[in-house]
C-alpha atoms as a PDB file:
ATOM      1  CA  MET A   1     112.032   1.279 131.056  1.00  0.00           C
ATOM      2  CA  LYS A   2     109.407   3.970 131.617  1.00  0.00           C
ATOM      3  CA  ASP A   3     108.804   3.659 128.059  1.00  0.00           C
ATOM      4  CA  ASP A   4     108.253  -0.290 128.041  1.00  0.00           C
ATOM      5  CA  ILE A   5     105.611   0.616 130.431  1.00  0.00           C
ATOM      6  CA  GLN A   6     103.543   3.627 128.998  1.00  0.00           C
ATOM      7  CA  ASN A   7     103.766   1.100 125.944  1.00  0.00           C
ATOM      8  CA  THR A   8     102.104  -1.711 127.782  1.00  0.00           C
ATOM      9  CA  LYS A   9      98.838   0.370 128.789  1.00  0.00           C
ATOM     10  CA  PRO A  10      95.612  -0.706 127.395  1.00  0.00           C
ATOM     11  CA  LYS A  11      94.426   2.298 125.058  1.00  0.00           C
ATOM     12  CA  ILE A  12      90.898   3.470 124.938  1.00  0.00           C
ATOM     13  CA  GLY A  13      89.027   2.123 122.473  1.00  0.00           C
ATOM     14  CA  ILE A  14      85.917   0.475 120.552  1.00  0.00           C
ATOM     15  CA  GLY A  15      86.383  -2.331 123.441  1.00  0.00           C
ATOM     16  CA  THR A  16      85.846   0.506 126.203  1.00  0.00           C
ATOM     17  CA  ILE A  17      82.212   0.986 125.171  1.00  0.00           C
ATOM     18  CA  SER A  18      81.639  -2.533 126.990  1.00  0.00           C
ATOM     19  CA  LEU A  19      81.482  -1.031 130.117  1.00  0.00           C
ATOM     20  CA  ILE A  20      79.271   1.751 129.019  1.00  0.00           C
ATOM     21  CA  LEU A  21      76.959  -0.976 127.600  1.00  0.00           C
ATOM     22  CA  ILE A  22      76.828  -2.576 131.193  1.00  0.00           C
ATOM     23  CA  ILE A  23      76.272   0.387 132.973  1.00  0.00           C
ATOM     24  CA  ILE A  24      73.197   1.081 130.765  1.00  0.00           C
ATOM     25  CA  GLY A  25      71.951  -3.038 130.713  1.00  0.00           C
ATOM     26  CA  GLY A  26      72.487  -2.545 134.520  1.00  0.00           C
ATOM     27  CA  LEU A  27      69.878   0.357 135.099  1.00  0.00           C
ATOM     28  CA  PHE A  28      66.899  -1.910 133.579  1.00  0.00           C
ATOM     29  CA  SER A  29      68.115  -5.195 136.130  1.00  0.00           C
ATOM     30  CA  PHE A  30      68.352  -3.051 139.246  1.00  0.00           C
ATOM     31  CA  SER A  31      66.044  -2.346 141.956  1.00  0.00           C
ATOM     32  CA  PHE A  32      65.735   0.565 144.920  1.00  0.00           C
ATOM     33  CA  ASP A  33      63.313   1.087 147.277  1.00  0.00           C
ATOM     34  CA  PHE A  34      60.689  -1.747 145.724  1.00  0.00           C
ATOM     35  CA  VAL A  35      61.512   0.497 142.394  1.00  0.00           C
ATOM     36  CA  ALA A  36      62.778  -1.501 139.439  1.00  0.00           C
ATOM     37  CA  LEU A  37      64.855   1.543 137.642  1.00  0.00           C
ATOM     38  CA  GLY A  38      64.021  -0.336 134.635  1.00  0.00           C
ATOM     39  CA  ASP A  39      60.332   0.143 134.667  1.00  0.00           C
ATOM     40  CA  LEU A  40      60.581   3.786 135.553  1.00  0.00           C
ATOM     41  CA  ILE A  41      62.769   4.206 131.702  1.00  0.00           C
ATOM     42  CA  LEU A  42      60.605   2.307 130.071  1.00  0.00           C
ATOM     43  CA  ASN A  43      57.442   4.264 131.385  1.00  0.00           C
ATOM     44  CA  SER A  44      59.034   7.482 131.108  1.00  0.00           C
ATOM     45  CA  LEU A  45      60.004   6.261 127.746  1.00  0.00           C
ATOM     46  CA  GLY A  46      56.421   5.503 126.761  1.00  0.00           C
ATOM     47  CA  LEU A  47      56.884   1.997 126.812  1.00  0.00           C
ATOM     48  CA  LYS A  48      55.560  -1.163 128.740  1.00  0.00           C
ATOM     49  CA  ALA A  49      57.458  -2.758 131.239  1.00  0.00           C
ATOM     50  CA  TRP A  50      55.047  -5.325 131.577  1.00  0.00           C
ATOM     51  CA  SER A  51      53.184  -7.433 128.966  1.00  0.00           C
ATOM     52  CA  ASN A  52      49.533  -7.482 131.106  1.00  0.00           C
ATOM     53  CA  LEU A  53      49.738  -3.836 133.033  1.00  0.00           C
ATOM     54  CA  ASN A  54      51.884  -5.158 136.691  1.00  0.00           C
ATOM     55  CA  SER A  55      52.014  -9.208 135.577  1.00  0.00           C
ATOM     56  CA  GLY A  56      53.061 -11.327 132.669  1.00  0.00           C
ATOM     57  CA  ILE A  57      56.745 -11.259 130.913  1.00  0.00           C
ATOM     58  CA  HIS A  58      58.673  -8.042 132.627  1.00  0.00           C
ATOM     59  CA  TYR A  59      60.389  -6.790 129.032  1.00  0.00           C
ATOM     60  CA  THR A  60      63.185  -5.113 131.566  1.00  0.00           C
ATOM     61  CA  ILE A  61      64.695  -8.719 130.923  1.00  0.00           C
ATOM     62  CA  PHE A  62      64.969  -8.323 127.332  1.00  0.00           C
ATOM     63  CA  TYR A  63      66.444  -4.689 126.972  1.00  0.00           C
ATOM     64  CA  SER A  64      69.074  -5.456 129.438  1.00  0.00           C
ATOM     65  CA  LEU A  65      70.281  -8.378 127.443  1.00  0.00           C
ATOM     66  CA  ILE A  66      69.981  -5.646 124.458  1.00  0.00           C
ATOM     67  CA  PHE A  67      73.147  -4.198 126.329  1.00  0.00           C
ATOM     68  CA  TYR A  68      74.751  -7.108 127.363  1.00  0.00           C
ATOM     69  CA  ILE A  69      74.699  -8.860 124.229  1.00  0.00           C
ATOM     70  CA  PRO A  70      76.727  -6.237 122.096  1.00  0.00           C
ATOM     71  CA  ALA A  71      79.001  -5.252 125.111  1.00  0.00           C
ATOM     72  CA  LEU A  72      80.448  -9.252 125.243  1.00  0.00           C
ATOM     73  CA  ILE A  73      80.358  -9.366 121.742  1.00  0.00           C
ATOM     74  CA  ILE A  74      82.963  -5.818 121.795  1.00  0.00           C
ATOM     75  CA  SER A  75      84.657  -6.932 124.427  1.00  0.00           C
ATOM     76  CA  PHE A  76      85.653 -10.070 122.836  1.00  0.00           C
ATOM     77  CA  LYS A  77      86.480  -8.887 119.843  1.00  0.00           C
ATOM     78  CA  PHE A  78      88.521  -5.700 120.868  1.00  0.00           C
ATOM     79  CA  LYS A  79      90.345  -7.137 123.598  1.00  0.00           C
ATOM     80  CA  ASP A  80      93.246  -5.453 124.199  1.00  0.00           C
ATOM     81  CA  ASP A  81      91.504  -1.606 124.537  1.00  0.00           C
ATOM     82  CA  PHE A  82      90.389  -0.275 128.310  1.00  0.00           C
ATOM     83  CA  GLY A  83      88.133  -1.834 130.263  1.00  0.00           C
ATOM     84  CA  SER A  84      87.804  -5.156 127.798  1.00  0.00           C
ATOM     85  CA  ARG A  85      88.412  -8.032 130.490  1.00  0.00           C
ATOM     86  CA  LEU A  86      86.323  -5.982 132.761  1.00  0.00           C
ATOM     87  CA  GLY A  87      83.824  -5.862 130.649  1.00  0.00           C
ATOM     88  CA  ARG A  88      83.515  -9.019 129.675  1.00  0.00           C
ATOM     89  CA  LYS A  89      83.338 -10.799 133.449  1.00  0.00           C
ATOM     90  CA  ILE A  90      81.019  -8.228 134.023  1.00  0.00           C
ATOM     91  CA  ALA A  91      78.866  -8.965 130.834  1.00  0.00           C
ATOM     92  CA  ILE A  92      78.815 -12.583 131.559  1.00  0.00           C
ATOM     93  CA  ILE A  93      78.027 -12.671 135.124  1.00  0.00           C
ATOM     94  CA  MET A  94      75.363  -9.912 134.674  1.00  0.00           C
ATOM     95  CA  MET A  95      73.578 -12.094 131.840  1.00  0.00           C
ATOM     96  CA  LEU A  96      73.875 -15.414 133.162  1.00  0.00           C
ATOM     97  CA  PHE A  97      72.337 -13.495 136.847  1.00  0.00           C
ATOM     98  CA  THR A  98      69.618 -12.345 134.746  1.00  0.00           C
ATOM     99  CA  LEU A  99      68.680 -15.078 132.802  1.00  0.00           C
ATOM    100  CA  PHE A 100      68.782 -17.408 136.394  1.00  0.00           C
ATOM    101  CA  SER A 101      66.669 -15.050 138.198  1.00  0.00           C
ATOM    102  CA  SER A 102      63.855 -14.551 135.617  1.00  0.00           C
ATOM    103  CA  PHE A 103      63.911 -18.295 135.435  1.00  0.00           C
ATOM    104  CA  LEU A 104      64.295 -18.991 139.517  1.00  0.00           C
ATOM    105  CA  ILE A 105      60.970 -16.297 140.109  1.00  0.00           C
ATOM    106  CA  ASN A 106      58.506 -16.600 137.119  1.00  0.00           C
ATOM    107  CA  GLY A 107      59.664 -20.908 137.432  1.00  0.00           C
END
């Protein structure tokens, strides 16, 4: 009986990377105390966070999607790995949240 339970546990594999990608993408999506973490990351790397100083297109949206989309693809491809199902759900929620919030704020 114990062997059956251990055999059904999901293994850590490539699908687990989806959770890591979501965490990294989330760093570009959240703000604390009116400071966008994505802006701080991009500025520390010498990249622009906005297309026109502090206005225009906010590039952090695209950087977060660069991590969310592969997380979603990996979670579908390696669905039996540990954290893959959770990664898929969070990736979908974060992608929808990021896209809808960008349209609501800019529109």
